[in-house]
PDB file of N, CA and C in Angstrom:
ATOM      1  N   UNK A   1       0.446  -1.007  -0.129  1.00  0.00           N
ATOM      2  CA  UNK A   1      -0.126   0.052  -0.007  1.00  0.00           C
ATOM      3  C   UNK A   1       0.829   1.154   0.027  1.00  0.00           C
ATOM      4  N   UNK A   2       1.730   1.062   0.815  1.00  0.00           N
ATOM      5  CA  UNK A   2       2.718   2.508   0.687  1.00  0.00           C
ATOM      6  C   UNK A   2       3.570   2.246  -0.358  1.00  0.00           C
ATOM      7  N   UNK A   3       4.146   1.110  -1.130  1.00  0.00           N
ATOM      8  CA  UNK A   3       4.144   1.525  -2.327  1.00  0.00           C
ATOM      9  C   UNK A   3       3.607   2.216  -3.595  1.00  0.00           C
ATOM     10  N   UNK A   4       2.146   2.105  -3.600  1.00  0.00           N
ATOM     11  CA  UNK A   4       1.175   2.142  -4.378  1.00  0.00           C
ATOM     12  C   UNK A   4       1.025   4.238  -3.917  1.00  0.00           C
ATOM     13  N   UNK A   5       1.236   4.622  -2.826  1.00  0.00           N
ATOM     14  CA  UNK A   5       1.276   5.822  -2.386  1.00  0.00           C
ATOM     15  C   UNK A   5       2.621   6.581  -2.837  1.00  0.00           C
ATOM     16  N   UNK A   6       3.335   6.125  -2.665  1.00  0.00           N
ATOM     17  CA  UNK A   6       4.488   6.521  -3.263  1.00  0.00           C
ATOM     18  C   UNK A   6       5.012   6.764  -4.254  1.00  0.00           C
ATOM     19  N   UNK A   7       4.332   5.762  -5.478  1.00  0.00           N
ATOM     20  CA  UNK A   7       4.167   5.675  -6.896  1.00  0.00           C
ATOM     21  C   UNK A   7       2.726   6.905  -7.375  1.00  0.00           C
ATOM     22  N   UNK A   8       1.978   7.122  -7.005  1.00  0.00           N
ATOM     23  CA  UNK A   8       0.815   7.897  -7.209  1.00  0.00           C
ATOM     24  C   UNK A   8       1.957   9.235  -6.782  1.00  0.00           C
ATOM     25  N   UNK A   9       2.357   9.649  -5.533  1.00  0.00           N
ATOM     26  CA  UNK A   9       2.944  10.856  -5.471  1.00  0.00           C
ATOM     27  C   UNK A   9       4.089  11.102  -6.183  1.00  0.00           C
ATOM     28  N   UNK A  10       4.910  10.211  -6.545  1.00  0.00           N
ATOM     29  CA  UNK A  10       5.836  10.806  -7.666  1.00  0.00           C
ATOM     30  C   UNK A  10       5.569  10.754  -9.049  1.00  0.00           C
ATOM     31  N   UNK A  11       4.026  10.050  -9.396  1.00  0.00           N
ATOM     32  CA  UNK A  11       3.323  10.653 -10.811  1.00  0.00           C
ATOM     33  C   UNK A  11       3.188  12.326 -10.764  1.00  0.00           C
ATOM     34  N   UNK A  12       2.498  12.503  -9.330  1.00  0.00           N
ATOM     35  CA  UNK A  12       1.437  13.946  -9.225  1.00  0.00           C
ATOM     36  C   UNK A  12       3.165  15.141  -9.624  1.00  0.00           C
ATOM     37  N   UNK A  13       3.784  14.341  -9.216  1.00  0.00           N
ATOM     38  CA  UNK A  13       4.886  15.369  -8.706  1.00  0.00           C
ATOM     39  C   UNK A  13       5.767  15.138 -10.096  1.00  0.00           C
ATOM     40  N   UNK A  14       5.755  14.299 -11.015  1.00  0.00           N
ATOM     41  CA  UNK A  14       6.141  14.421 -12.030  1.00  0.00           C
ATOM     42  C   UNK A  14       5.046  15.363 -13.311  1.00  0.00           C
ATOM     43  N   UNK A  15       4.020  15.370 -12.703  1.00  0.00           N
ATOM     44  CA  UNK A  15       2.791  15.824 -13.701  1.00  0.00           C
ATOM     45  C   UNK A  15       3.093  17.422 -13.382  1.00  0.00           C
ATOM     46  N   UNK A  16       3.348  17.551 -12.178  1.00  0.00           N
ATOM     47  CA  UNK A  16       3.471  19.005 -11.782  1.00  0.00           C
ATOM     48  C   UNK A  16       4.417  20.108 -12.125  1.00  0.00           C
ATOM     49  N   UNK A  17       5.723  19.039 -12.240  1.00  0.00           N
ATOM     50  CA  UNK A  17       6.841  19.604 -12.798  1.00  0.00           C
ATOM     51  C   UNK A  17       6.637  20.051 -14.350  1.00  0.00           C
ATOM     52  N   UNK A  18       6.233  19.129 -15.261  1.00  0.00           N
ATOM     53  CA  UNK A  18       5.826  19.150 -16.282  1.00  0.00           C
ATOM     54  C   UNK A  18       5.113  20.902 -16.525  1.00  0.00           C
ATOM     55  N   UNK A  19       3.783  20.596 -15.689  1.00  0.00           N
ATOM     56  CA  UNK A  19       3.214  21.791 -15.762  1.00  0.00           C
ATOM     57  C   UNK A  19       3.355  23.131 -15.478  1.00  0.00           C
ATOM     58  N   UNK A  20       4.271  22.926 -14.458  1.00  0.00           N
ATOM     59  CA  UNK A  20       5.113  24.523 -14.417  1.00  0.00           C
ATOM     60  C   UNK A  20       6.127  24.684 -15.135  1.00  0.00           C
ATOM     61  N   UNK A  21       7.399  23.935 -15.676  1.00  0.00           N
ATOM     62  CA  UNK A  21       8.092  23.856 -17.013  1.00  0.00           C
ATOM     63  C   UNK A  21       6.871  24.646 -18.220  1.00  0.00           C
ATOM     64  N   UNK A  22       6.016  24.005 -18.297  1.00  0.00           N
ATOM     65  CA  UNK A  22       4.940  24.509 -19.910  1.00  0.00           C
ATOM     66  C   UNK A  22       4.699  25.850 -19.127  1.00  0.00           C
ATOM     67  N   UNK A  23       4.106  26.338 -18.094  1.00  0.00           N
ATOM     68  CA  UNK A  23       3.873  28.071 -17.504  1.00  0.00           C
ATOM     69  C   UNK A  23       5.003  28.294 -17.867  1.00  0.00           C
ATOM     70  N   UNK A  24       6.078  28.248 -17.214  1.00  0.00           N
ATOM     71  CA  UNK A  24       7.367  29.261 -17.462  1.00  0.00           C
ATOM     72  C   UNK A  24       7.532  29.561 -18.850  1.00  0.00           C
ATOM     73  N   UNK A  25       7.560  28.586 -19.699  1.00  0.00           N
ATOM     74  CA  UNK A  25       7.625  28.948 -21.208  1.00  0.00           C
ATOM     75  C   UNK A  25       6.947  29.788 -21.627  1.00  0.00           C
ATOM     76  N   UNK A  26       5.084  29.642 -21.664  1.00  0.00           N
ATOM     77  CA  UNK A  26       4.321  30.458 -21.857  1.00  0.00           C
ATOM     78  C   UNK A  26       4.534  31.950 -21.355  1.00  0.00           C
ATOM     79  N   UNK A  27       4.801  31.667 -20.538  1.00  0.00           N
ATOM     80  CA  UNK A  27       4.790  33.050 -19.847  1.00  0.00           C
ATOM     81  C   UNK A  27       6.267  34.128 -20.347  1.00  0.00           C
ATOM     82  N   UNK A  28       7.368  33.347 -21.059  1.00  0.00           N
ATOM     83  CA  UNK A  28       8.151  34.406 -21.768  1.00  0.00           C
ATOM     84  C   UNK A  28       7.922  34.131 -22.840  1.00  0.00           C
ATOM     85  N   UNK A  29       6.601  33.422 -23.462  1.00  0.00           N
ATOM     86  CA  UNK A  29       6.259  33.732 -25.212  1.00  0.00           C
ATOM     87  C   UNK A  29       5.316  35.132 -25.030  1.00  0.00           C
ATOM     88  N   UNK A  30       4.608  35.278 -23.940  1.00  0.00           N
ATOM     89  CA  UNK A  30       3.719  36.053 -23.578  1.00  0.00           C
ATOM     90  C   UNK A  30       4.565  37.215 -23.612  1.00  0.00           C
ATOM     91  N   UNK A  31       5.579  36.851 -22.569  1.00  0.00           N
ATOM     92  CA  UNK A  31       6.221  38.512 -22.277  1.00  0.00           C
ATOM     93  C   UNK A  31       7.039  38.987 -23.749  1.00  0.00           C
ATOM     94  N   UNK A  32       7.393  37.875 -24.567  1.00  0.00           N
ATOM     95  CA  UNK A  32       7.828  38.283 -25.691  1.00  0.00           C
ATOM     96  C   UNK A  32       7.247  39.278 -26.615  1.00  0.00           C
ATOM     97  N   UNK A  33       5.810  38.505 -27.153  1.00  0.00           N
ATOM     98  CA  UNK A  33       4.698  38.922 -27.716  1.00  0.00           C
ATOM     99  C   UNK A  33       4.418  40.476 -27.360  1.00  0.00           C
ATOM    100  N   UNK A  34       4.224  40.821 -25.625  1.00  0.00           N
ATOM    101  CA  UNK A  34       3.807  41.860 -25.093  1.00  0.00           C
ATOM    102  C   UNK A  34       5.058  42.935 -25.493  1.00  0.00           C
ATOM    103  N   UNK A  35       6.074  42.251 -25.314  1.00  0.00           N
ATOM    104  CA  UNK A  35       7.297  43.537 -25.874  1.00  0.00           C
ATOM    105  C   UNK A  35       7.139  44.043 -27.263  1.00  0.00           C
ATOM    106  N   UNK A  36       6.911  42.883 -28.200  1.00  0.00           N
ATOM    107  CA  UNK A  36       6.598  43.586 -29.475  1.00  0.00           C
ATOM    108  C   UNK A  36       5.622  44.540 -29.893  1.00  0.00           C
ATOM    109  N   UNK A  37       4.524  44.030 -28.858  1.00  0.00           N
ATOM    110  CA  UNK A  37       3.368  44.836 -29.134  1.00  0.00           C
ATOM    111  C   UNK A  37       3.472  46.391 -28.661  1.00  0.00           C
ATOM    112  N   UNK A  38       4.192  46.666 -27.696  1.00  0.00           N
ATOM    113  CA  UNK A  38       4.572  47.351 -27.016  1.00  0.00           C
ATOM    114  C   UNK A  38       5.282  48.183 -27.690  1.00  0.00           C
ATOM    115  N   UNK A  39       6.615  48.133 -28.406  1.00  0.00           N
ATOM    116  CA  UNK A  39       7.245  48.453 -29.233  1.00  0.00           C
ATOM    117  C   UNK A  39       6.653  48.849 -30.799  1.00  0.00           C
ATOM    118  N   UNK A  40       5.385  48.123 -31.396  1.00  0.00           N
ATOM    119  CA  UNK A  40       4.720  48.551 -31.939  1.00  0.00           C
ATOM    120  C   UNK A  40       3.674  49.804 -31.789  1.00  0.00           C
ATOM    121  N   UNK A  41       3.147  49.883 -30.585  1.00  0.00           N
ATOM    122  CA  UNK A  41       2.462  50.902 -29.696  1.00  0.00           C
ATOM    123  C   UNK A  41       3.251  52.217 -29.459  1.00  0.00           C
ATOM    124  N   UNK A  42       4.372  51.767 -29.274  1.00  0.00           N
ATOM    125  CA  UNK A  42       5.116  53.160 -29.189  1.00  0.00           C
ATOM    126  C   UNK A  42       5.472  53.794 -30.402  1.00  0.00           C
ATOM    127  N   UNK A  43       5.538  52.686 -31.482  1.00  0.00           N
ATOM    128  CA  UNK A  43       5.922  53.693 -32.781  1.00  0.00           C
ATOM    129  C   UNK A  43       4.971  54.291 -33.737  1.00  0.00           C
ATOM    130  N   UNK A  44       3.277  53.574 -33.095  1.00  0.00           N
ATOM    131  CA  UNK A  44       2.025  54.337 -33.542  1.00  0.00           C
ATOM    132  C   UNK A  44       2.282  55.632 -33.217  1.00  0.00           C
ATOM    133  N   UNK A  45       2.100  55.849 -31.215  1.00  0.00           N
ATOM    134  CA  UNK A  45       1.988  56.728 -30.958  1.00  0.00           C
ATOM    135  C   UNK A  45       2.820  57.889 -31.107  1.00  0.00           C
ATOM    136  N   UNK A  46       4.287  57.900 -31.316  1.00  0.00           N
ATOM    137  CA  UNK A  46       5.303  58.619 -31.744  1.00  0.00           C
ATOM    138  C   UNK A  46       4.684  59.255 -33.082  1.00  0.00           C
ATOM    139  N   UNK A  47       4.532  58.561 -33.892  1.00  0.00           N
ATOM    140  CA  UNK A  47       3.677  59.154 -35.199  1.00  0.00           C
ATOM    141  C   UNK A  47       2.561  59.739 -34.863  1.00  0.00           C
ATOM    142  N   UNK A  48       1.572  59.406 -34.129  1.00  0.00           N
ATOM    143  CA  UNK A  48       0.245  60.456 -33.948  1.00  0.00           C
ATOM    144  C   UNK A  48       0.670  60.800 -33.135  1.00  0.00           C
ATOM    145  N   UNK A  49       1.674  61.267 -32.259  1.00  0.00           N
ATOM    146  CA  UNK A  49       1.451  62.540 -31.267  1.00  0.00           C
ATOM    147  C   UNK A  49       2.153  63.712 -32.564  1.00  0.00           C
ATOM    148  N   UNK A  50       3.550  63.505 -32.952  1.00  0.00           N
ATOM    149  CA  UNK A  50       4.015  64.271 -33.611  1.00  0.00           C
ATOM    150  C   UNK A  50       3.232  65.019 -34.550  1.00  0.00           C
ATOM    151  N   UNK A  51       2.417  64.258 -35.429  1.00  0.00           N
ATOM    152  CA  UNK A  51       1.356  64.822 -36.187  1.00  0.00           C
ATOM    153  C   UNK A  51       0.397  65.604 -35.759  1.00  0.00           C
ATOM    154  N   UNK A  52       0.004  65.305 -34.938  1.00  0.00           N
ATOM    155  CA  UNK A  52      -1.051  66.151 -33.550  1.00  0.00           C
ATOM    156  C   UNK A  52      -0.405  67.804 -33.727  1.00  0.00           C
ATOM    157  N   UNK A  53       0.960  67.874 -32.619  1.00  0.00           N
ATOM    158  CA  UNK A  53       1.314  68.859 -32.848  1.00  0.00           C
ATOM    159  C   UNK A  53       2.684  68.708 -31.847  1.00  0.00           C
ATOM    160  N   UNK A  54       3.545  69.719 -32.046  1.00  0.00           N
ATOM    161  CA  UNK A  54       4.641  69.598 -31.101  1.00  0.00           C
ATOM    162  C   UNK A  54       4.463  69.633 -29.698  1.00  0.00           C
ATOM    163  N   UNK A  55       3.375  70.812 -28.981  1.00  0.00           N
ATOM    164  CA  UNK A  55       3.340  70.491 -27.705  1.00  0.00           C
ATOM    165  C   UNK A  55       2.692  69.401 -26.781  1.00  0.00           C
ATOM    166  N   UNK A  56       2.207  68.074 -27.475  1.00  0.00           N
ATOM    167  CA  UNK A  56       1.529  67.323 -27.212  1.00  0.00           C
ATOM    168  C   UNK A  56       0.520  67.574 -26.398  1.00  0.00           C
ATOM    169  N   UNK A  57      -0.589  68.258 -26.272  1.00  0.00           N
ATOM    170  CA  UNK A  57      -1.344  68.544 -25.664  1.00  0.00           C
ATOM    171  C   UNK A  57      -2.285  67.523 -25.330  1.00  0.00           C
ATOM    172  N   UNK A  58      -2.926  66.934 -23.801  1.00  0.00           N
ATOM    173  CA  UNK A  58      -3.413  66.343 -23.406  1.00  0.00           C
ATOM    174  C   UNK A  58      -4.802  66.621 -23.855  1.00  0.00           C
ATOM    175  N   UNK A  59      -5.545  65.561 -23.690  1.00  0.00           N
ATOM    176  CA  UNK A  59      -7.196  65.383 -23.903  1.00  0.00           C
ATOM    177  C   UNK A  59      -7.766  65.043 -23.036  1.00  0.00           C
ATOM    178  N   UNK A  60      -8.794  66.170 -22.299  1.00  0.00           N
ATOM    179  CA  UNK A  60      -9.479  66.020 -21.172  1.00  0.00           C
ATOM    180  C   UNK A  60     -10.326  65.241 -21.362  1.00  0.00           C
ATOM    181  N   UNK A  61     -10.776  64.124 -20.640  1.00  0.00           N
ATOM    182  CA  UNK A  61     -11.725  63.317 -21.108  1.00  0.00           C
ATOM    183  C   UNK A  61     -13.155  63.710 -20.222  1.00  0.00           C
ATOM    184  N   UNK A  62     -12.743  64.513 -19.361  1.00  0.00           N
ATOM    185  CA  UNK A  62     -13.947  65.663 -19.194  1.00  0.00           C
ATOM    186  C   UNK A  62     -14.661  66.374 -19.401  1.00  0.00           C
ATOM    187  N   UNK A  63     -13.675  66.794 -20.264  1.00  0.00           N
ATOM    188  CA  UNK A  63     -14.259  68.369 -21.027  1.00  0.00           C
ATOM    189  C   UNK A  63     -14.014  68.593 -22.685  1.00  0.00           C
ATOM    190  N   UNK A  64     -13.802  67.101 -23.085  1.00  0.00           N
ATOM    191  CA  UNK A  64     -13.311  67.637 -24.236  1.00  0.00           C
ATOM    192  C   UNK A  64     -14.726  67.005 -25.071  1.00  0.00           C
ATOM    193  N   UNK A  65     -14.966  67.574 -26.494  1.00  0.00           N
ATOM    194  CA  UNK A  65     -15.969  67.377 -27.104  1.00  0.00           C
ATOM    195  C   UNK A  65     -16.295  66.211 -28.362  1.00  0.00           C
ATOM    196  N   UNK A  66     -17.199  65.730 -28.748  1.00  0.00           N
ATOM    197  CA  UNK A  66     -17.111  64.410 -29.477  1.00  0.00           C
ATOM    198  C   UNK A  66     -15.954  64.847 -30.536  1.00  0.00           C
ATOM    199  N   UNK A  67     -15.861  65.959 -30.782  1.00  0.00           N
ATOM    200  CA  UNK A  67     -14.744  65.960 -32.325  1.00  0.00           C
ATOM    201  C   UNK A  67     -13.194  66.228 -31.903  1.00  0.00           C
ATOM    202  N   UNK A  68     -13.152  66.489 -30.680  1.00  0.00           N
ATOM    203  CA  UNK A  68     -11.406  66.153 -29.969  1.00  0.00           C
ATOM    204  C   UNK A  68     -11.720  65.073 -29.586  1.00  0.00           C
ATOM    205  N   UNK A  69     -12.416  64.572 -29.168  1.00  0.00           N
ATOM    206  CA  UNK A  69     -12.415  62.941 -28.559  1.00  0.00           C
ATOM    207  C   UNK A  69     -12.051  61.987 -29.941  1.00  0.00           C
ATOM    208  N   UNK A  70     -13.202  62.244 -31.224  1.00  0.00           N
ATOM    209  CA  UNK A  70     -12.951  61.981 -32.724  1.00  0.00           C
ATOM    210  C   UNK A  70     -11.057  61.513 -33.149  1.00  0.00           C
ATOM    211  N   UNK A  71     -10.458  62.715 -32.585  1.00  0.00           N
ATOM    212  CA  UNK A  71      -9.140  62.846 -33.080  1.00  0.00           C
ATOM    213  C   UNK A  71      -8.312  62.053 -32.759  1.00  0.00           C
ATOM    214  N   UNK A  72      -8.512  61.320 -31.560  1.00  0.00           N
ATOM    215  CA  UNK A  72      -7.940  60.481 -30.641  1.00  0.00           C
ATOM    216  C   UNK A  72      -7.756  59.004 -32.040  1.00  0.00           C
ATOM    217  N   UNK A  73      -6.455  58.370 -31.950  1.00  0.00           N
ATOM    218  CA  UNK A  73      -6.806  57.320 -32.802  1.00  0.00           C
ATOM    219  C   UNK A  73      -7.465  56.077 -32.616  1.00  0.00           C
ATOM    220  N   UNK A  74      -7.914  55.634 -33.112  1.00  0.00           N
ATOM    221  CA  UNK A  74      -8.535  54.308 -33.038  1.00  0.00           C
ATOM    222  C   UNK A  74     -10.175  54.766 -32.419  1.00  0.00           C
ATOM    223  N   UNK A  75     -10.186  56.055 -32.203  1.00  0.00           N
ATOM    224  CA  UNK A  75     -11.667  56.526 -31.209  1.00  0.00           C
ATOM    225  C   UNK A  75     -12.569  57.100 -32.650  1.00  0.00           C
ATOM    226  N   UNK A  76     -13.350  56.591 -33.235  1.00  0.00           N
ATOM    227  CA  UNK A  76     -14.433  56.762 -34.211  1.00  0.00           C
ATOM    228  C   UNK A  76     -15.467  57.655 -33.099  1.00  0.00           C
ATOM    229  N   UNK A  77     -16.657  58.265 -34.420  1.00  0.00           N
ATOM    230  CA  UNK A  77     -17.771  58.902 -34.002  1.00  0.00           C
ATOM    231  C   UNK A  77     -18.635  58.106 -33.031  1.00  0.00           C
ATOM    232  N   UNK A  78     -18.600  56.971 -33.130  1.00  0.00           N
ATOM    233  CA  UNK A  78     -19.707  56.479 -31.999  1.00  0.00           C
ATOM    234  C   UNK A  78     -19.317  56.256 -31.263  1.00  0.00           C
ATOM    235  N   UNK A  79     -17.929  55.654 -30.702  1.00  0.00           N
ATOM    236  CA  UNK A  79     -16.984  55.853 -29.538  1.00  0.00           C
ATOM    237  C   UNK A  79     -16.991  57.300 -28.776  1.00  0.00           C
ATOM    238  N   UNK A  80     -16.745  58.021 -29.566  1.00  0.00           N
ATOM    239  CA  UNK A  80     -16.787  59.126 -29.068  1.00  0.00           C
ATOM    240  C   UNK A  80     -17.932  59.854 -28.325  1.00  0.00           C
ATOM    241  N   UNK A  81     -18.976  59.375 -29.474  1.00  0.00           N
ATOM    242  CA  UNK A  81     -20.132  59.758 -28.507  1.00  0.00           C
ATOM    243  C   UNK A  81     -20.808  59.045 -27.168  1.00  0.00           C
ATOM    244  N   UNK A  82     -20.308  57.717 -27.034  1.00  0.00           N
ATOM    245  CA  UNK A  82     -20.635  56.658 -25.900  1.00  0.00           C
ATOM    246  C   UNK A  82     -19.485  57.441 -24.800  1.00  0.00           C
ATOM    247  N   UNK A  83     -18.498  57.919 -24.733  1.00  0.00           N
ATOM    248  CA  UNK A  83     -17.679  58.035 -23.896  1.00  0.00           C
ATOM    249  C   UNK A  83     -18.291  59.783 -23.413  1.00  0.00           C
ATOM    250  N   UNK A  84     -19.051  60.527 -24.151  1.00  0.00           N
ATOM    251  CA  UNK A  84     -19.375  61.964 -23.654  1.00  0.00           C
ATOM    252  C   UNK A  84     -20.666  61.713 -22.959  1.00  0.00           C
ATOM    253  N   UNK A  85     -21.823  60.670 -23.492  1.00  0.00           N
ATOM    254  CA  UNK A  85     -22.987  59.977 -23.020  1.00  0.00           C
ATOM    255  C   UNK A  85     -22.514  59.569 -21.701  1.00  0.00           C
ATOM    256  N   UNK A  86     -21.602  58.665 -21.702  1.00  0.00           N
ATOM    257  CA  UNK A  86     -21.190  58.232 -20.180  1.00  0.00           C
ATOM    258  C   UNK A  86     -20.527  59.466 -19.322  1.00  0.00           C
ATOM    259  N   UNK A  87     -20.318  60.320 -19.661  1.00  0.00           N
ATOM    260  CA  UNK A  87     -19.301  61.035 -18.677  1.00  0.00           C
ATOM    261  C   UNK A  87     -20.254  62.000 -17.968  1.00  0.00           C
ATOM    262  N   UNK A  88     -21.742  62.256 -19.060  1.00  0.00           N
ATOM    263  CA  UNK A  88     -22.724  62.836 -18.666  1.00  0.00           C
ATOM    264  C   UNK A  88     -24.064  62.147 -17.916  1.00  0.00           C
ATOM    265  N   UNK A  89     -24.094  61.079 -18.069  1.00  0.00           N
ATOM    266  CA  UNK A  89     -24.960  60.074 -17.445  1.00  0.00           C
ATOM    267  C   UNK A  89     -24.369  59.993 -16.020  1.00  0.00           C
ATOM    268  N   UNK A  90     -23.505  59.417 -15.809  1.00  0.00           N
ATOM    269  CA  UNK A  90     -22.678  59.255 -14.290  1.00  0.00           C
ATOM    270  C   UNK A  90     -21.415  59.880 -13.697  1.00  0.00           C
ATOM    271  N   UNK A  91     -21.089  61.202 -14.526  1.00  0.00           N
ATOM    272  CA  UNK A  91     -20.275  62.368 -14.025  1.00  0.00           C
ATOM    273  C   UNK A  91     -19.048  61.871 -14.516  1.00  0.00           C
ATOM    274  N   UNK A  92     -18.272  63.012 -14.209  1.00  0.00           N
ATOM    275  CA  UNK A  92     -16.702  62.746 -14.506  1.00  0.00           C
ATOM    276  C   UNK A  92     -15.460  61.475 -13.876  1.00  0.00           C
ATOM    277  N   UNK A  93     -15.507  60.958 -15.118  1.00  0.00           N
ATOM    278  CA  UNK A  93     -14.085  60.185 -14.923  1.00  0.00           C
ATOM    279  C   UNK A  93     -12.972  60.060 -13.822  1.00  0.00           C
ATOM    280  N   UNK A  94     -13.013  59.389 -12.675  1.00  0.00           N
ATOM    281  CA  UNK A  94     -12.184  59.699 -12.223  1.00  0.00           C
ATOM    282  C   UNK A  94     -10.607  59.602 -12.283  1.00  0.00           C
ATOM    283  N   UNK A  95     -10.054  58.473 -13.218  1.00  0.00           N
ATOM    284  CA  UNK A  95      -9.309  58.270 -13.752  1.00  0.00           C
ATOM    285  C   UNK A  95      -9.487  58.119 -14.867  1.00  0.00           C
ATOM    286  N   UNK A  96      -8.149  58.058 -15.855  1.00  0.00           N
ATOM    287  CA  UNK A  96      -8.684  57.511 -17.423  1.00  0.00           C
ATOM    288  C   UNK A  96      -8.583  56.400 -17.652  1.00  0.00           C
ATOM    289  N   UNK A  97      -8.368  55.390 -16.759  1.00  0.00           N
ATOM    290  CA  UNK A  97      -8.806  54.090 -17.264  1.00  0.00           C
ATOM    291  C   UNK A  97     -10.324  53.627 -16.830  1.00  0.00           C
ATOM    292  N   UNK A  98     -11.138  54.285 -16.067  1.00  0.00           N
ATOM    293  CA  UNK A  98     -12.207  54.021 -16.410  1.00  0.00           C
ATOM    294  C   UNK A  98     -12.476  54.373 -17.622  1.00  0.00           C
ATOM    295  N   UNK A  99     -12.095  54.890 -18.695  1.00  0.00           N
ATOM    296  CA  UNK A  99     -12.473  54.582 -19.999  1.00  0.00           C
ATOM    297  C   UNK A  99     -12.909  53.476 -20.485  1.00  0.00           C
ATOM    298  N   UNK A 100     -12.157  52.464 -19.846  1.00  0.00           N
ATOM    299  CA  UNK A 100     -13.081  51.315 -20.338  1.00  0.00           C
ATOM    300  C   UNK A 100     -13.834  50.346 -20.057  1.00  0.00           C
ATOM    301  N   UNK A 101     -14.587  51.420 -18.897  1.00  0.00           N
ATOM    302  CA  UNK A 101     -15.541  50.898 -19.004  1.00  0.00           C
ATOM    303  C   UNK A 101     -17.030  51.488 -19.973  1.00  0.00           C
ATOM    304  N   UNK A 102     -16.681  52.224 -20.854  1.00  0.00           N
ATOM    305  CA  UNK A 102     -17.853  52.722 -21.976  1.00  0.00           C
ATOM    306  C   UNK A 102     -17.535  51.520 -22.819  1.00  0.00           C
ATOM    307  N   UNK A 103     -18.828  50.932 -23.171  1.00  0.00           N
ATOM    308  CA  UNK A 103     -19.187  50.035 -24.170  1.00  0.00           C
ATOM    309  C   UNK A 103     -18.427  50.442 -25.424  1.00  0.00           C
ATOM    310  N   UNK A 104     -17.651  49.599 -26.169  1.00  0.00           N
ATOM    311  CA  UNK A 104     -16.776  49.695 -27.206  1.00  0.00           C
ATOM    312  C   UNK A 104     -15.234  49.881 -26.720  1.00  0.00           C
ATOM    313  N   UNK A 105     -15.022  50.367 -26.082  1.00  0.00           N
ATOM    314  CA  UNK A 105     -13.643  50.760 -25.379  1.00  0.00           C
ATOM    315  C   UNK A 105     -12.814  49.280 -25.560  1.00  0.00           C
ATOM    316  N   UNK A 106     -12.265  48.611 -26.000  1.00  0.00           N
ATOM    317  CA  UNK A 106     -11.198  47.625 -25.503  1.00  0.00           C
ATOM    318  C   UNK A 106      -9.908  47.864 -24.877  1.00  0.00           C
ATOM    319  N   UNK A 107      -9.249  46.890 -24.524  1.00  0.00           N
ATOM    320  CA  UNK A 107      -7.749  47.501 -24.234  1.00  0.00           C
ATOM    321  C   UNK A 107      -7.107  47.657 -25.094  1.00  0.00           C
ATOM    322  N   UNK A 108      -7.094  47.499 -26.336  1.00  0.00           N
ATOM    323  CA  UNK A 108      -6.621  47.767 -27.404  1.00  0.00           C
ATOM    324  C   UNK A 108      -6.494  48.940 -28.052  1.00  0.00           C
ATOM    325  N   UNK A 109      -7.909  49.675 -27.776  1.00  0.00           N
ATOM    326  CA  UNK A 109      -7.768  51.044 -28.091  1.00  0.00           C
ATOM    327  C   UNK A 109      -7.569  51.851 -26.845  1.00  0.00           C
ATOM    328  N   UNK A 110      -7.605  51.643 -25.574  1.00  0.00           N
ATOM    329  CA  UNK A 110      -7.421  52.058 -24.558  1.00  0.00           C
ATOM    330  C   UNK A 110      -5.682  52.534 -24.627  1.00  0.00           C
ATOM    331  N   UNK A 111      -4.848  51.175 -24.476  1.00  0.00           N
ATOM    332  CA  UNK A 111      -3.647  51.413 -24.792  1.00  0.00           C
ATOM    333  C   UNK A 111      -2.906  52.489 -25.870  1.00  0.00           C
ATOM    334  N   UNK A 112      -3.809  52.748 -27.018  1.00  0.00           N
ATOM    335  CA  UNK A 112      -3.368  53.228 -28.079  1.00  0.00           C
ATOM    336  C   UNK A 112      -3.503  55.128 -27.424  1.00  0.00           C
ATOM    337  N   UNK A 113      -4.336  55.247 -26.794  1.00  0.00           N
ATOM    338  CA  UNK A 113      -5.059  56.710 -26.476  1.00  0.00           C
ATOM    339  C   UNK A 113      -4.460  57.110 -25.131  1.00  0.00           C
ATOM    340  N   UNK A 114      -4.048  56.055 -24.334  1.00  0.00           N
ATOM    341  CA  UNK A 114      -3.744  56.286 -22.695  1.00  0.00           C
ATOM    342  C   UNK A 114      -2.721  57.424 -22.395  1.00  0.00           C
ATOM    343  N   UNK A 115      -1.630  57.549 -23.425  1.00  0.00           N
ATOM    344  CA  UNK A 115      -0.581  58.632 -23.035  1.00  0.00           C
ATOM    345  C   UNK A 115      -0.822  59.879 -23.952  1.00  0.00           C
ATOM    346  N   UNK A 116      -2.350  60.403 -24.326  1.00  0.00           N
ATOM    347  CA  UNK A 116      -2.866  61.301 -24.921  1.00  0.00           C
ATOM    348  C   UNK A 116      -4.033  61.809 -23.760  1.00  0.00           C
ATOM    349  N   UNK A 117      -4.532  61.117 -22.970  1.00  0.00           N
ATOM    350  CA  UNK A 117      -5.827  61.598 -22.314  1.00  0.00           C
ATOM    351  C   UNK A 117      -5.475  61.901 -20.874  1.00  0.00           C
ATOM    352  N   UNK A 118      -6.187  62.668 -20.638  1.00  0.00           N
ATOM    353  CA  UNK A 118      -6.047  63.155 -18.938  1.00  0.00           C
ATOM    354  C   UNK A 118      -7.639  63.326 -18.552  1.00  0.00           C
ATOM    355  N   UNK A 119      -7.566  62.891 -16.950  1.00  0.00           N
ATOM    356  CA  UNK A 119      -8.867  63.142 -16.279  1.00  0.00           C
ATOM    357  C   UNK A 119      -8.594  64.542 -15.511  1.00  0.00           C
ATOM    358  N   UNK A 120      -9.067  65.117 -15.655  1.00  0.00           N
ATOM    359  CA  UNK A 120      -8.901  66.525 -14.617  1.00  0.00           C
ATOM    360  C   UNK A 120     -10.256  66.541 -14.078  1.00  0.00           C
TER     361      UNK A 120
END
């Protein structure tokens, strides 16, 4: 009986070790992909911010008009309208990160505008 328990424990440890090794390699791959995505987003942000103007004026999401919000990358008319509607219905955004609550604001869209907006 003790031999059976020992063999079972060794098998479980082997599976656990394989699982941990797999988790470590997948984290490495996702970090690499994340770094590549960050580099791509940084280039896109640089291109957009230089095309806006050289002073890099931040857009206040609590006072910006629909037209001002539409000028941000990846923000179309519908999403700009939803941001303004959300602000009017629930009050000012306390933090820029709260934009993610607005329907249609994805993580990718938020990452593209995060450095261009402020919540005053």
